[in-house]
Amino acid sequence: MRIHKVVNRVYAGVTYYRWVVTIPPKRIRELGWANGQELEAVVRGSTLWIQPSVRPARQPRDRGVTMLEEEARRRTMGRRP
C-alpha cells in the first residue's frame, strides 16, 4: 500500500492538499468492497481503521420541476415539428 499527497486546489494563493491511500485490488476483493462504497475512518492511537460506513448511502434528491422549467417546456412543446 502507498500514501500519496495530491494537490486538491489552489485558492487565493494557498495550495490545499488531500491524501490518497492506494489499496491493492486483491485486498479490496478480500474485503468484499465495491467501487464507490461509503467508508468511514477511525483513529485509535497511531492506527487508522477503515471500515464500511454504517450510514445508508446518500440517495439523489428529487428536486421536482420548477415553475420556470415547466413554463419553458409548455412553450417549446408547441414549436416542435
Protein backbone atom coordinates (compact mmCIF):
# COMPACT_ATOMS: atom_id res chain seq x y z
CA MET A 1 0.00 0.00 0.00
CA ARG A 2 1.08 3.54 -0.56
CA ILE A 3 0.02 7.04 0.52
CA HIS A 4 0.14 9.98 -1.91
CA LYS A 5 -0.09 13.72 -1.34
CA VAL A 6 -2.17 15.28 -4.13
CA VAL A 7 -2.97 18.93 -4.85
CA ASN A 8 -6.71 19.38 -4.27
CA ARG A 9 -6.99 23.04 -5.30
CA VAL A 10 -5.23 26.38 -5.23
CA TYR A 11 -7.33 29.26 -3.92
CA ALA A 12 -6.20 32.81 -3.18
CA GLY A 13 -2.56 31.76 -3.43
CA VAL A 14 -2.98 28.92 -0.90
CA THR A 15 -2.47 25.32 -2.02
CA TYR A 16 -4.76 22.74 -0.43
CA TYR A 17 -3.77 19.07 -0.41
CA ARG A 18 -5.54 15.77 0.13
CA TRP A 19 -4.09 12.36 0.84
CA VAL A 20 -4.85 9.26 -1.22
CA VAL A 21 -4.22 5.72 0.02
CA THR A 22 -3.79 3.15 -2.74
CA ILE A 23 -5.13 -0.27 -1.76
CA PRO A 24 -4.25 -3.23 -3.98
CA PRO A 25 -7.18 -4.83 -5.86
CA LYS A 26 -6.51 -8.16 -4.14
CA ARG A 27 -7.20 -6.60 -0.73
CA ILE A 28 -10.39 -4.91 -1.99
CA ARG A 29 -11.67 -8.28 -3.26
CA GLU A 30 -10.77 -9.97 0.04
CA LEU A 31 -12.78 -7.34 1.91
CA GLY A 32 -15.72 -7.56 -0.48
CA TRP A 33 -15.72 -3.80 -1.00
CA ALA A 34 -17.21 -2.22 -4.14
CA ASN A 35 -16.32 0.83 -6.19
CA GLY A 36 -17.95 3.95 -4.75
CA GLN A 37 -18.80 2.29 -1.43
CA GLU A 38 -19.00 4.69 1.51
CA LEU A 39 -16.25 4.13 4.07
CA GLU A 40 -15.52 5.67 7.45
CA ALA A 41 -12.20 6.08 9.21
CA VAL A 42 -11.45 5.87 12.94
CA VAL A 43 -8.14 6.84 14.55
CA ARG A 44 -7.13 4.77 17.59
CA GLY A 45 -3.76 5.85 18.91
CA SER A 46 -1.44 5.82 15.90
CA THR A 47 -3.60 3.38 13.89
CA LEU A 48 -6.13 4.27 11.19
CA TRP A 49 -9.08 1.84 10.93
CA ILE A 50 -11.08 1.96 7.69
CA GLN A 51 -14.41 0.17 7.58
CA PRO A 52 -17.65 0.23 5.61
CA SER A 53 -19.94 3.03 6.69
CA VAL A 54 -22.93 2.10 8.82
CA ARG A 55 -24.85 5.10 7.48
CA PRO A 56 -27.10 4.40 4.49
CA ALA A 57 -25.79 5.61 1.14
CA ARG A 58 -26.99 9.04 0.06
CA GLN A 59 -29.78 9.00 -2.49
CA PRO A 60 -30.03 11.73 -5.12
CA ARG A 61 -32.59 14.28 -4.02
CA ASP A 62 -35.63 14.69 -6.25
CA ARG A 63 -35.92 18.44 -6.60
CA GLY A 64 -39.03 18.31 -8.74
CA VAL A 65 -39.69 20.61 -11.66
CA THR A 66 -39.55 24.34 -11.09
CA MET A 67 -42.23 26.67 -12.43
CA LEU A 68 -39.68 28.18 -14.85
CA GLU A 69 -38.82 24.74 -16.26
CA GLU A 70 -42.50 23.87 -16.60
CA GLU A 71 -43.19 27.15 -18.43
CA ALA A 72 -40.25 26.58 -20.81
CA ARG A 73 -41.43 23.04 -21.50
CA ARG A 74 -45.00 24.25 -22.19
CA ARG A 75 -43.81 26.94 -24.61
CA THR A 76 -41.45 24.68 -26.55
CA MET A 77 -43.93 21.80 -26.92
CA GLY A 78 -45.95 23.80 -29.45
CA ARG A 79 -42.86 24.64 -31.54
CA ARG A 80 -41.78 21.09 -32.27
CA PRO A 81 -42.33 19.90 -35.87
